[in-house]
N, C-alpha and C. Protein backbone atom coordinates (compact mmCIF):
# COMPACT_ATOMS: atom_id res chain seq x y z
N MET A 1 -11.30 9.59 15.14
CA MET A 1 -12.01 8.38 14.74
C MET A 1 -11.08 7.48 13.93
N LYS A 2 -10.99 6.21 14.32
CA LYS A 2 -10.12 5.29 13.62
C LYS A 2 -10.64 4.99 12.22
N LEU A 3 -9.68 4.78 11.31
CA LEU A 3 -10.04 4.44 9.94
C LEU A 3 -10.76 3.10 9.89
N LEU A 4 -10.21 2.10 10.56
CA LEU A 4 -10.78 0.76 10.54
C LEU A 4 -10.64 0.12 11.92
N PRO A 5 -11.69 -0.48 12.44
CA PRO A 5 -11.62 -1.15 13.74
C PRO A 5 -10.92 -2.50 13.62
N ILE A 6 -10.55 -3.05 14.76
CA ILE A 6 -9.79 -4.30 14.76
C ILE A 6 -10.57 -5.45 14.13
N GLY A 7 -11.89 -5.46 14.31
CA GLY A 7 -12.69 -6.55 13.75
C GLY A 7 -12.58 -6.64 12.24
N GLU A 8 -12.57 -5.49 11.56
CA GLU A 8 -12.48 -5.49 10.11
C GLU A 8 -11.09 -5.91 9.65
N MET A 9 -10.05 -5.53 10.41
CA MET A 9 -8.70 -5.93 10.04
C MET A 9 -8.49 -7.42 10.28
N GLN A 10 -9.09 -7.96 11.31
CA GLN A 10 -8.94 -9.39 11.58
C GLN A 10 -9.49 -10.24 10.45
N ARG A 11 -10.51 -9.75 9.78
CA ARG A 11 -11.08 -10.50 8.66
C ARG A 11 -10.13 -10.57 7.47
N CYS A 12 -9.13 -9.70 7.46
CA CYS A 12 -8.13 -9.72 6.38
C CYS A 12 -7.05 -10.77 6.63
N MET A 13 -6.94 -11.22 7.86
CA MET A 13 -5.85 -12.12 8.25
C MET A 13 -6.17 -13.55 7.85
N VAL A 14 -5.26 -14.17 7.12
CA VAL A 14 -5.45 -15.54 6.67
C VAL A 14 -4.21 -16.36 6.97
N ASP A 15 -4.40 -17.66 7.05
CA ASP A 15 -3.29 -18.60 7.17
C ASP A 15 -2.79 -18.86 5.76
N SER A 16 -1.64 -18.33 5.43
CA SER A 16 -1.16 -18.45 4.06
C SER A 16 -1.02 -19.90 3.63
N GLY A 17 -0.76 -20.80 4.57
CA GLY A 17 -0.64 -22.21 4.22
C GLY A 17 -1.96 -22.84 3.83
N SER A 18 -3.06 -22.25 4.28
CA SER A 18 -4.37 -22.85 4.02
C SER A 18 -4.85 -22.63 2.60
N ILE A 19 -4.22 -21.72 1.88
CA ILE A 19 -4.64 -21.49 0.50
C ILE A 19 -3.52 -21.85 -0.47
N GLY A 20 -2.73 -22.83 -0.04
CA GLY A 20 -1.72 -23.41 -0.91
C GLY A 20 -0.65 -22.42 -1.31
N ARG A 21 -0.34 -22.40 -2.59
CA ARG A 21 0.79 -21.62 -3.07
C ARG A 21 0.40 -20.20 -3.45
N THR A 22 -0.85 -19.84 -3.30
CA THR A 22 -1.31 -18.52 -3.75
C THR A 22 -0.52 -17.40 -3.12
N LEU A 23 -0.17 -17.55 -1.83
CA LEU A 23 0.58 -16.51 -1.15
C LEU A 23 2.06 -16.79 -1.09
N ASN A 24 2.54 -17.76 -1.86
CA ASN A 24 3.97 -18.09 -1.87
C ASN A 24 4.70 -17.09 -2.75
N PRO A 25 5.52 -16.21 -2.17
CA PRO A 25 6.15 -15.15 -2.96
C PRO A 25 6.97 -15.67 -4.13
N SER A 26 7.75 -16.75 -3.94
CA SER A 26 8.60 -17.23 -5.02
C SER A 26 7.75 -17.75 -6.18
N HIS A 27 6.62 -18.36 -5.88
CA HIS A 27 5.72 -18.85 -6.92
C HIS A 27 5.07 -17.68 -7.65
N CYS A 28 4.58 -16.71 -6.88
CA CYS A 28 3.90 -15.57 -7.49
C CYS A 28 4.83 -14.76 -8.36
N ALA A 29 6.12 -14.72 -7.99
CA ALA A 29 7.08 -13.94 -8.75
C ALA A 29 7.18 -14.45 -10.18
N ARG A 30 6.89 -15.72 -10.39
CA ARG A 30 7.05 -16.30 -11.72
C ARG A 30 5.83 -16.11 -12.61
N TRP A 31 4.64 -16.07 -12.00
CA TRP A 31 3.47 -16.13 -12.88
C TRP A 31 2.45 -15.04 -12.72
N ARG A 32 2.59 -14.20 -11.75
CA ARG A 32 1.61 -13.13 -11.57
C ARG A 32 2.29 -11.77 -11.54
N ARG A 33 1.58 -10.78 -12.00
CA ARG A 33 2.09 -9.42 -11.96
C ARG A 33 1.79 -8.79 -10.61
N GLY A 34 2.75 -8.11 -10.04
CA GLY A 34 2.57 -7.52 -8.73
C GLY A 34 2.57 -6.00 -8.79
N LYS A 35 2.10 -5.39 -7.70
CA LYS A 35 2.09 -3.94 -7.57
C LYS A 35 2.86 -3.57 -6.31
N SER A 36 3.56 -2.47 -6.37
CA SER A 36 4.35 -2.03 -5.22
C SER A 36 3.91 -0.64 -4.79
N GLY A 37 3.90 -0.44 -3.47
CA GLY A 37 3.63 0.89 -2.93
C GLY A 37 4.68 1.22 -1.91
N SER A 38 5.07 2.48 -1.83
CA SER A 38 6.06 2.92 -0.86
C SER A 38 5.61 4.24 -0.26
N ALA A 39 5.84 4.39 1.04
CA ALA A 39 5.43 5.62 1.72
C ALA A 39 6.43 5.96 2.80
N SER A 40 6.79 7.23 2.90
CA SER A 40 7.72 7.70 3.92
C SER A 40 6.97 8.50 4.97
N SER A 41 7.45 8.42 6.22
CA SER A 41 6.83 9.22 7.27
C SER A 41 7.14 10.68 7.03
N GLU A 42 6.34 11.55 7.59
CA GLU A 42 6.50 12.98 7.36
C GLU A 42 7.84 13.50 7.86
N ASN A 43 8.39 12.88 8.91
CA ASN A 43 9.66 13.37 9.44
C ASN A 43 10.85 12.69 8.79
N GLY A 44 10.59 11.78 7.83
CA GLY A 44 11.68 11.14 7.11
C GLY A 44 12.40 10.07 7.89
N GLY A 45 11.94 9.72 9.08
CA GLY A 45 12.65 8.76 9.90
C GLY A 45 12.42 7.33 9.52
N SER A 46 11.36 7.05 8.79
CA SER A 46 11.06 5.68 8.41
C SER A 46 10.25 5.67 7.12
N ALA A 47 10.16 4.49 6.53
CA ALA A 47 9.39 4.33 5.29
C ALA A 47 8.84 2.92 5.25
N GLY A 48 7.71 2.76 4.58
CA GLY A 48 7.11 1.45 4.41
C GLY A 48 7.04 1.09 2.95
N CYS A 49 7.12 -0.19 2.66
CA CYS A 49 7.01 -0.67 1.28
C CYS A 49 6.22 -1.97 1.30
N ALA A 50 5.38 -2.18 0.29
CA ALA A 50 4.56 -3.39 0.23
C ALA A 50 4.47 -3.90 -1.20
N ILE A 51 4.48 -5.21 -1.34
CA ILE A 51 4.25 -5.86 -2.62
C ILE A 51 2.88 -6.51 -2.56
N ILE A 52 2.03 -6.15 -3.51
CA ILE A 52 0.65 -6.62 -3.53
C ILE A 52 0.39 -7.46 -4.77
N LEU A 53 -0.23 -8.61 -4.58
CA LEU A 53 -0.66 -9.44 -5.70
C LEU A 53 -2.08 -9.03 -6.06
N PRO A 54 -2.30 -8.49 -7.26
CA PRO A 54 -3.65 -8.02 -7.63
C PRO A 54 -4.56 -9.18 -8.01
N PRO A 55 -5.86 -8.95 -8.02
CA PRO A 55 -6.81 -10.01 -8.39
C PRO A 55 -6.74 -10.35 -9.87
N LEU A 56 -7.05 -11.59 -10.18
CA LEU A 56 -7.11 -12.01 -11.58
C LEU A 56 -8.42 -11.62 -12.23
N VAL A 57 -9.46 -11.49 -11.42
CA VAL A 57 -10.79 -11.17 -11.95
C VAL A 57 -11.36 -9.97 -11.22
N ALA A 58 -12.31 -9.31 -11.84
CA ALA A 58 -12.97 -8.17 -11.22
C ALA A 58 -13.61 -8.58 -9.91
N GLY A 59 -13.35 -7.80 -8.87
CA GLY A 59 -13.91 -8.10 -7.56
C GLY A 59 -13.12 -9.12 -6.78
N GLY A 60 -11.98 -9.56 -7.32
CA GLY A 60 -11.15 -10.54 -6.63
C GLY A 60 -10.35 -9.93 -5.50
N LYS A 61 -9.51 -10.74 -4.89
CA LYS A 61 -8.78 -10.31 -3.71
C LYS A 61 -7.39 -9.78 -4.03
N PHE A 62 -6.98 -8.79 -3.25
CA PHE A 62 -5.61 -8.30 -3.24
C PHE A 62 -4.89 -9.03 -2.11
N ARG A 63 -3.67 -9.48 -2.35
CA ARG A 63 -2.93 -10.20 -1.31
C ARG A 63 -1.58 -9.54 -1.10
N VAL A 64 -1.26 -9.29 0.15
CA VAL A 64 0.03 -8.69 0.50
C VAL A 64 1.07 -9.81 0.55
N LEU A 65 2.03 -9.76 -0.36
CA LEU A 65 3.08 -10.77 -0.40
C LEU A 65 4.23 -10.43 0.53
N GLU A 66 4.62 -9.17 0.53
CA GLU A 66 5.72 -8.71 1.38
C GLU A 66 5.40 -7.31 1.87
N ARG A 67 5.93 -6.99 3.02
CA ARG A 67 5.91 -5.61 3.49
C ARG A 67 7.22 -5.38 4.22
N HIS A 68 7.69 -4.16 4.14
CA HIS A 68 8.97 -3.80 4.75
C HIS A 68 8.84 -2.47 5.47
N GLN A 69 9.51 -2.37 6.59
CA GLN A 69 9.60 -1.12 7.34
C GLN A 69 11.06 -0.72 7.37
N TRP A 70 11.39 0.37 6.73
CA TRP A 70 12.78 0.82 6.65
C TRP A 70 12.98 2.02 7.56
N ARG A 71 13.84 1.87 8.52
CA ARG A 71 14.10 2.94 9.49
C ARG A 71 15.51 3.48 9.32
N GLY A 72 15.63 4.80 9.35
CA GLY A 72 16.94 5.42 9.26
C GLY A 72 17.63 5.19 7.93
N MET A 73 16.89 4.91 6.88
CA MET A 73 17.47 4.60 5.58
C MET A 73 17.32 5.80 4.65
N ASP A 74 18.41 6.20 4.00
CA ASP A 74 18.33 7.36 3.12
C ASP A 74 17.62 7.00 1.82
N PHE A 75 17.34 8.03 1.02
CA PHE A 75 16.54 7.83 -0.19
C PHE A 75 17.22 6.91 -1.20
N SER A 76 18.55 6.97 -1.27
CA SER A 76 19.27 6.12 -2.21
C SER A 76 19.13 4.65 -1.85
N ALA A 77 19.26 4.34 -0.58
CA ALA A 77 19.12 2.96 -0.12
C ALA A 77 17.70 2.45 -0.32
N GLN A 78 16.72 3.32 -0.09
CA GLN A 78 15.33 2.92 -0.30
C GLN A 78 15.09 2.57 -1.77
N ALA A 79 15.61 3.40 -2.66
CA ALA A 79 15.44 3.16 -4.09
C ALA A 79 16.10 1.85 -4.51
N LYS A 80 17.27 1.55 -3.94
CA LYS A 80 17.95 0.30 -4.25
C LYS A 80 17.13 -0.90 -3.79
N ASN A 81 16.53 -0.78 -2.63
CA ASN A 81 15.70 -1.87 -2.13
C ASN A 81 14.48 -2.09 -3.01
N ILE A 82 13.89 -0.99 -3.47
CA ILE A 82 12.74 -1.11 -4.37
C ILE A 82 13.16 -1.77 -5.68
N LYS A 83 14.33 -1.40 -6.17
CA LYS A 83 14.83 -2.00 -7.41
C LYS A 83 15.02 -3.50 -7.24
N SER A 84 15.53 -3.92 -6.09
CA SER A 84 15.74 -5.36 -5.85
C SER A 84 14.41 -6.11 -5.87
N LEU A 85 13.34 -5.46 -5.41
CA LEU A 85 12.03 -6.10 -5.44
C LEU A 85 11.52 -6.25 -6.87
N THR A 86 11.83 -5.27 -7.72
CA THR A 86 11.40 -5.37 -9.12
C THR A 86 12.16 -6.47 -9.85
N GLU A 87 13.32 -6.85 -9.33
CA GLU A 87 14.10 -7.92 -9.93
C GLU A 87 13.61 -9.29 -9.48
N ARG A 88 12.88 -9.32 -8.39
CA ARG A 88 12.33 -10.58 -7.86
C ARG A 88 10.90 -10.83 -8.31
N TYR A 89 10.17 -9.74 -8.56
CA TYR A 89 8.76 -9.84 -8.94
C TYR A 89 8.55 -9.19 -10.30
N ASN A 90 7.51 -9.60 -10.96
CA ASN A 90 7.10 -8.95 -12.21
C ASN A 90 6.25 -7.74 -11.85
N VAL A 91 6.90 -6.70 -11.39
CA VAL A 91 6.20 -5.50 -10.92
C VAL A 91 5.82 -4.63 -12.12
N THR A 92 4.56 -4.32 -12.24
CA THR A 92 4.10 -3.50 -13.35
C THR A 92 3.49 -2.18 -12.90
N TYR A 93 3.49 -1.93 -11.61
CA TYR A 93 3.00 -0.65 -11.09
C TYR A 93 3.74 -0.34 -9.79
N ILE A 94 4.21 0.88 -9.66
CA ILE A 94 4.82 1.36 -8.42
C ILE A 94 4.22 2.72 -8.09
N GLY A 95 3.70 2.86 -6.88
CA GLY A 95 3.18 4.14 -6.41
C GLY A 95 3.98 4.60 -5.21
N ILE A 96 4.54 5.79 -5.27
CA ILE A 96 5.38 6.33 -4.20
C ILE A 96 4.89 7.73 -3.84
N ASP A 97 4.83 8.02 -2.55
CA ASP A 97 4.44 9.38 -2.16
C ASP A 97 5.52 10.36 -2.60
N ASN A 98 5.10 11.49 -3.09
CA ASN A 98 6.01 12.46 -3.70
C ASN A 98 6.26 13.65 -2.78
N THR A 99 6.23 13.40 -1.48
CA THR A 99 6.47 14.46 -0.51
C THR A 99 7.68 14.10 0.34
N GLY A 100 8.39 15.11 0.80
CA GLY A 100 9.53 14.87 1.68
C GLY A 100 10.56 13.97 1.04
N LEU A 101 11.04 13.00 1.82
CA LEU A 101 12.05 12.07 1.33
C LEU A 101 11.53 11.25 0.16
N GLY A 102 10.23 11.00 0.14
CA GLY A 102 9.65 10.21 -0.94
C GLY A 102 9.87 10.83 -2.30
N ARG A 103 9.97 12.16 -2.36
CA ARG A 103 10.20 12.83 -3.64
C ARG A 103 11.55 12.41 -4.23
N ALA A 104 12.57 12.34 -3.39
CA ALA A 104 13.89 11.92 -3.86
C ALA A 104 13.88 10.45 -4.25
N VAL A 105 13.17 9.64 -3.48
CA VAL A 105 13.07 8.21 -3.79
C VAL A 105 12.42 8.01 -5.15
N SER A 106 11.33 8.71 -5.40
CA SER A 106 10.61 8.53 -6.66
C SER A 106 11.46 8.95 -7.86
N GLN A 107 12.30 9.96 -7.68
CA GLN A 107 13.17 10.39 -8.78
C GLN A 107 14.18 9.32 -9.14
N LEU A 108 14.73 8.65 -8.13
CA LEU A 108 15.69 7.57 -8.39
C LEU A 108 15.00 6.34 -8.96
N VAL A 109 13.83 6.04 -8.44
CA VAL A 109 13.08 4.88 -8.95
C VAL A 109 12.71 5.08 -10.41
N ARG A 110 12.42 6.31 -10.80
CA ARG A 110 12.03 6.59 -12.18
C ARG A 110 13.15 6.23 -13.16
N GLN A 111 14.39 6.18 -12.70
CA GLN A 111 15.50 5.84 -13.58
C GLN A 111 15.43 4.39 -14.05
N PHE A 112 14.91 3.50 -13.22
CA PHE A 112 14.80 2.10 -13.64
C PHE A 112 13.35 1.66 -13.83
N PHE A 113 12.40 2.51 -13.42
CA PHE A 113 10.98 2.21 -13.62
C PHE A 113 10.29 3.52 -14.03
N PRO A 114 10.41 3.89 -15.31
CA PRO A 114 9.92 5.20 -15.77
C PRO A 114 8.44 5.44 -15.51
N ALA A 115 7.65 4.39 -15.38
CA ALA A 115 6.20 4.56 -15.22
C ALA A 115 5.78 4.74 -13.77
N VAL A 116 6.74 4.95 -12.86
CA VAL A 116 6.39 5.11 -11.45
C VAL A 116 5.35 6.22 -11.28
N ASN A 117 4.38 5.97 -10.42
CA ASN A 117 3.35 6.96 -10.13
C ASN A 117 3.75 7.73 -8.87
N ALA A 118 4.16 8.98 -9.04
CA ALA A 118 4.52 9.84 -7.91
C ALA A 118 3.24 10.46 -7.37
N ILE A 119 2.85 10.06 -6.17
CA ILE A 119 1.57 10.47 -5.59
C ILE A 119 1.75 11.74 -4.77
N ASN A 120 1.16 12.81 -5.23
CA ASN A 120 1.25 14.09 -4.53
C ASN A 120 0.14 14.19 -3.48
N TYR A 121 0.57 14.18 -2.23
CA TYR A 121 -0.40 14.20 -1.14
C TYR A 121 -1.12 15.54 -1.05
N SER A 122 -2.41 15.46 -0.90
CA SER A 122 -3.26 16.61 -0.63
C SER A 122 -4.41 16.07 0.20
N LEU A 123 -5.25 16.95 0.71
CA LEU A 123 -6.40 16.47 1.47
C LEU A 123 -7.27 15.55 0.61
N GLU A 124 -7.43 15.94 -0.65
CA GLU A 124 -8.27 15.15 -1.54
C GLU A 124 -7.64 13.79 -1.84
N MET A 125 -6.32 13.78 -2.09
CA MET A 125 -5.65 12.53 -2.42
C MET A 125 -5.65 11.57 -1.23
N LYS A 126 -5.37 12.09 -0.04
CA LYS A 126 -5.39 11.23 1.15
C LYS A 126 -6.78 10.65 1.37
N THR A 127 -7.80 11.45 1.13
CA THR A 127 -9.17 10.95 1.28
C THR A 127 -9.46 9.86 0.27
N ASP A 128 -9.03 10.05 -0.97
CA ASP A 128 -9.25 9.03 -2.00
C ASP A 128 -8.54 7.73 -1.66
N LEU A 129 -7.30 7.83 -1.18
CA LEU A 129 -6.54 6.64 -0.79
C LEU A 129 -7.26 5.87 0.31
N VAL A 130 -7.73 6.62 1.30
CA VAL A 130 -8.41 6.00 2.44
C VAL A 130 -9.74 5.37 2.01
N LEU A 131 -10.51 6.09 1.20
CA LEU A 131 -11.80 5.57 0.75
C LEU A 131 -11.62 4.27 -0.04
N LYS A 132 -10.60 4.24 -0.90
CA LYS A 132 -10.35 3.03 -1.69
C LYS A 132 -9.98 1.87 -0.78
N ALA A 133 -9.06 2.11 0.15
CA ALA A 133 -8.62 1.04 1.05
C ALA A 133 -9.78 0.54 1.91
N ARG A 134 -10.57 1.46 2.42
CA ARG A 134 -11.68 1.06 3.28
C ARG A 134 -12.70 0.22 2.51
N ASP A 135 -12.95 0.60 1.26
CA ASP A 135 -13.89 -0.16 0.44
C ASP A 135 -13.37 -1.57 0.17
N VAL A 136 -12.08 -1.67 -0.16
CA VAL A 136 -11.47 -2.98 -0.43
C VAL A 136 -11.53 -3.86 0.81
N ILE A 137 -11.19 -3.29 1.96
CA ILE A 137 -11.16 -4.07 3.20
C ILE A 137 -12.55 -4.48 3.63
N ARG A 138 -13.49 -3.56 3.60
CA ARG A 138 -14.85 -3.88 4.03
C ARG A 138 -15.55 -4.84 3.07
N SER A 139 -15.05 -4.91 1.84
CA SER A 139 -15.61 -5.86 0.87
C SER A 139 -14.95 -7.23 0.97
N GLY A 140 -14.03 -7.38 1.91
CA GLY A 140 -13.34 -8.65 2.08
C GLY A 140 -12.37 -8.97 0.97
N ARG A 141 -11.77 -7.92 0.39
CA ARG A 141 -10.91 -8.12 -0.78
C ARG A 141 -9.42 -7.95 -0.48
N LEU A 142 -9.05 -7.75 0.77
CA LEU A 142 -7.64 -7.65 1.12
C LEU A 142 -7.28 -8.79 2.06
N GLU A 143 -6.18 -9.47 1.75
CA GLU A 143 -5.70 -10.56 2.60
C GLU A 143 -4.22 -10.40 2.87
N PHE A 144 -3.83 -10.72 4.10
CA PHE A 144 -2.42 -10.79 4.44
C PHE A 144 -2.24 -11.85 5.52
N ASP A 145 -1.02 -12.31 5.68
CA ASP A 145 -0.75 -13.40 6.61
C ASP A 145 -1.15 -13.00 8.03
N ALA A 146 -1.74 -13.95 8.74
CA ALA A 146 -2.22 -13.68 10.09
C ALA A 146 -1.10 -13.25 11.03
N GLY A 147 0.13 -13.60 10.70
CA GLY A 147 1.25 -13.21 11.55
C GLY A 147 1.72 -11.79 11.32
N ALA A 148 1.22 -11.15 10.28
CA ALA A 148 1.64 -9.78 9.95
C ALA A 148 0.80 -8.77 10.73
N LEU A 149 0.94 -8.81 12.04
CA LEU A 149 0.14 -7.93 12.90
C LEU A 149 0.45 -6.46 12.67
N ASP A 150 1.66 -6.18 12.20
CA ASP A 150 2.04 -4.79 11.98
C ASP A 150 1.20 -4.13 10.89
N ILE A 151 0.72 -4.92 9.93
CA ILE A 151 -0.14 -4.35 8.89
C ILE A 151 -1.45 -3.88 9.50
N ALA A 152 -2.05 -4.74 10.31
CA ALA A 152 -3.31 -4.37 10.97
C ALA A 152 -3.11 -3.18 11.89
N GLN A 153 -2.02 -3.17 12.64
CA GLN A 153 -1.75 -2.07 13.56
C GLN A 153 -1.55 -0.76 12.81
N ALA A 154 -0.88 -0.84 11.66
CA ALA A 154 -0.64 0.37 10.88
C ALA A 154 -1.96 0.97 10.39
N PHE A 155 -2.86 0.13 9.90
CA PHE A 155 -4.16 0.64 9.45
C PHE A 155 -4.96 1.21 10.61
N MET A 156 -4.91 0.53 11.75
CA MET A 156 -5.70 1.00 12.90
C MET A 156 -5.13 2.26 13.52
N SER A 157 -3.88 2.60 13.18
CA SER A 157 -3.28 3.83 13.72
C SER A 157 -3.72 5.07 12.96
N ILE A 158 -4.34 4.89 11.80
CA ILE A 158 -4.76 6.02 10.97
C ILE A 158 -6.13 6.51 11.44
N ARG A 159 -6.21 7.81 11.69
CA ARG A 159 -7.44 8.40 12.24
C ARG A 159 -7.88 9.61 11.41
N LYS A 160 -9.16 9.84 11.46
CA LYS A 160 -9.73 11.01 10.80
C LYS A 160 -9.80 12.15 11.80
N GLN A 161 -9.33 13.33 11.40
CA GLN A 161 -9.42 14.49 12.27
C GLN A 161 -9.59 15.75 11.43
N MET A 162 -10.02 16.81 12.07
CA MET A 162 -10.23 18.07 11.38
C MET A 162 -8.91 18.81 11.21
N THR A 163 -8.81 19.58 10.14
CA THR A 163 -7.63 20.40 9.92
C THR A 163 -7.60 21.54 10.93
N ALA A 164 -6.51 22.31 10.92
CA ALA A 164 -6.36 23.40 11.89
C ALA A 164 -7.47 24.44 11.76
N THR A 165 -7.99 24.61 10.56
CA THR A 165 -9.06 25.60 10.36
C THR A 165 -10.41 25.08 10.86
N GLY A 166 -10.48 23.77 11.05
CA GLY A 166 -11.73 23.17 11.49
C GLY A 166 -12.77 23.05 10.40
N ARG A 167 -12.38 23.31 9.18
CA ARG A 167 -13.34 23.31 8.07
C ARG A 167 -13.30 22.02 7.25
N ARG A 168 -12.20 21.31 7.31
CA ARG A 168 -12.08 20.12 6.48
C ARG A 168 -11.50 18.97 7.29
N ALA A 169 -11.75 17.77 6.82
CA ALA A 169 -11.23 16.58 7.49
C ALA A 169 -10.00 16.06 6.75
N THR A 170 -9.10 15.44 7.49
CA THR A 170 -7.94 14.80 6.90
C THR A 170 -7.67 13.52 7.67
N TYR A 171 -6.65 12.81 7.25
CA TYR A 171 -6.30 11.55 7.90
C TYR A 171 -4.86 11.61 8.38
N VAL A 172 -4.65 11.27 9.63
CA VAL A 172 -3.33 11.32 10.24
C VAL A 172 -3.09 10.01 10.96
N THR A 173 -1.82 9.80 11.35
CA THR A 173 -1.47 8.60 12.09
C THR A 173 -1.17 8.97 13.53
N SER A 174 -1.77 8.25 14.43
CA SER A 174 -1.55 8.50 15.85
C SER A 174 -0.11 8.17 16.23
N ARG A 175 0.58 9.11 16.82
CA ARG A 175 1.96 8.87 17.24
C ARG A 175 2.03 7.99 18.49
N ALA A 176 0.89 7.74 19.10
CA ALA A 176 0.88 6.92 20.31
C ALA A 176 0.84 5.44 20.00
N GLU A 177 0.66 5.09 18.73
CA GLU A 177 0.48 3.69 18.39
C GLU A 177 1.79 2.92 18.30
N GLY A 178 2.91 3.62 18.12
CA GLY A 178 4.19 2.94 18.03
C GLY A 178 4.36 2.09 16.79
N VAL A 179 3.78 2.51 15.69
CA VAL A 179 3.87 1.73 14.46
C VAL A 179 4.44 2.56 13.32
N SER A 180 5.38 3.44 13.65
CA SER A 180 6.07 4.25 12.65
C SER A 180 5.10 5.00 11.75
N HIS A 181 4.06 5.56 12.39
CA HIS A 181 3.16 6.47 11.70
C HIS A 181 2.42 5.85 10.53
N GLY A 182 2.17 4.55 10.59
CA GLY A 182 1.34 3.92 9.58
C GLY A 182 1.97 3.78 8.21
N ASP A 183 3.30 3.83 8.12
CA ASP A 183 3.96 3.78 6.81
C ASP A 183 3.53 2.58 5.98
N VAL A 184 3.47 1.41 6.61
CA VAL A 184 3.12 0.20 5.88
C VAL A 184 1.69 0.29 5.33
N ALA A 185 0.78 0.85 6.12
CA ALA A 185 -0.61 0.99 5.66
C ALA A 185 -0.68 1.92 4.45
N TRP A 186 0.02 3.04 4.51
CA TRP A 186 0.00 3.97 3.38
C TRP A 186 0.62 3.32 2.15
N ALA A 187 1.67 2.51 2.35
CA ALA A 187 2.30 1.82 1.22
C ALA A 187 1.31 0.86 0.56
N VAL A 188 0.56 0.11 1.38
CA VAL A 188 -0.47 -0.78 0.84
C VAL A 188 -1.52 0.02 0.08
N MET A 189 -1.93 1.15 0.64
CA MET A 189 -2.95 1.98 -0.01
C MET A 189 -2.47 2.50 -1.36
N HIS A 190 -1.18 2.84 -1.45
CA HIS A 190 -0.64 3.31 -2.73
C HIS A 190 -0.80 2.24 -3.80
N ALA A 191 -0.54 0.98 -3.44
CA ALA A 191 -0.67 -0.11 -4.41
C ALA A 191 -2.13 -0.36 -4.77
N LEU A 192 -3.01 -0.35 -3.77
CA LEU A 192 -4.44 -0.58 -4.03
C LEU A 192 -5.02 0.48 -4.95
N PHE A 193 -4.47 1.69 -4.87
CA PHE A 193 -5.05 2.82 -5.60
C PHE A 193 -4.89 2.69 -7.11
N ASN A 194 -4.10 1.71 -7.55
CA ASN A 194 -3.98 1.52 -9.00
C ASN A 194 -5.28 1.00 -9.61
N GLU A 195 -6.14 0.43 -8.79
CA GLU A 195 -7.48 0.07 -9.25
C GLU A 195 -8.38 1.29 -9.06
N PRO A 196 -9.23 1.61 -10.02
CA PRO A 196 -10.10 2.79 -9.87
C PRO A 196 -10.92 2.73 -8.60
N LEU A 197 -11.33 3.88 -8.11
CA LEU A 197 -12.12 3.95 -6.89
C LEU A 197 -13.37 3.08 -6.98
N GLU A 198 -13.98 3.03 -8.15
CA GLU A 198 -15.21 2.25 -8.30
C GLU A 198 -14.94 0.77 -8.49
N GLY A 199 -13.65 0.37 -8.51
CA GLY A 199 -13.33 -1.03 -8.71
C GLY A 199 -13.34 -1.38 -10.18
N ALA A 200 -13.17 -2.66 -10.47
CA ALA A 200 -13.18 -3.12 -11.85
C ALA A 200 -14.62 -3.26 -12.31
N THR A 201 -14.95 -2.59 -13.41
CA THR A 201 -16.31 -2.66 -13.96
C THR A 201 -16.23 -3.10 -15.42
N GLY A 202 -17.37 -3.23 -16.04
CA GLY A 202 -17.39 -3.64 -17.43
C GLY A 202 -16.67 -2.67 -18.35
N SER A 203 -16.62 -1.41 -17.94
CA SER A 203 -16.00 -0.40 -18.80
C SER A 203 -14.53 -0.18 -18.51
N ASN A 204 -14.03 -0.71 -17.39
CA ASN A 204 -12.62 -0.46 -17.08
C ASN A 204 -11.85 -1.73 -16.78
N THR A 205 -12.41 -2.89 -17.11
CA THR A 205 -11.73 -4.14 -16.81
C THR A 205 -10.39 -4.22 -17.51
N GLY A 206 -10.26 -3.62 -18.69
CA GLY A 206 -8.99 -3.62 -19.40
C GLY A 206 -7.90 -2.98 -18.58
N PHE A 207 -8.25 -2.02 -17.75
CA PHE A 207 -7.28 -1.37 -16.88
C PHE A 207 -6.65 -2.39 -15.93
N MET A 208 -7.48 -3.34 -15.49
CA MET A 208 -6.99 -4.36 -14.58
C MET A 208 -5.94 -5.23 -15.24
N GLU A 209 -6.04 -5.40 -16.53
CA GLU A 209 -5.15 -6.32 -17.22
C GLU A 209 -3.74 -5.78 -17.38
N ILE A 210 -3.51 -4.52 -17.10
CA ILE A 210 -2.18 -3.98 -17.31
C ILE A 210 -1.47 -3.68 -16.01
N PHE A 211 -1.91 -4.27 -14.91
CA PHE A 211 -1.21 -4.09 -13.64
C PHE A 211 0.19 -4.67 -13.77
């Protein structure tokens, strides 16, 4: 079963020019705090990275400013690329998967960004990431440029399936989709996860202020 159908992803697509400078990366770099997520494929052959502009108010929109697909790049090069993004944006949160090649990347990133969140994948964590992303998308709170079809394809490549024991469900990426195993989607989810699962509420709005 697909995580999200094409109709829901299409609602995330916007003409960046129609909302003025809000999605202009150079403008956002100066005045808004951004969040970064990075995810590596299980076989280490590729990795995705995304820069997300968080909402200013509770219930506001998340906007994807940049996304990158890195293929055949070792952990050192990935960390250098992430560092270059922190020099261009006021990044106050970085979430990186802590499995496989991502573990080495997170260790290097911690040298220049000590507060990096190393995300340890488990069935529970993957479920939480997916639930958060699905809630944000279905609530109309995620936007990205209409030309970024790879983002939509990456999300649509993620499917729910049962584990080998048949007792629990997990989320995997269809290898038939040709989108590098959904790396970009997982990277976006890592950044979104910095907001609590329940979203910004009266009791946790302060959390939103420190993105």
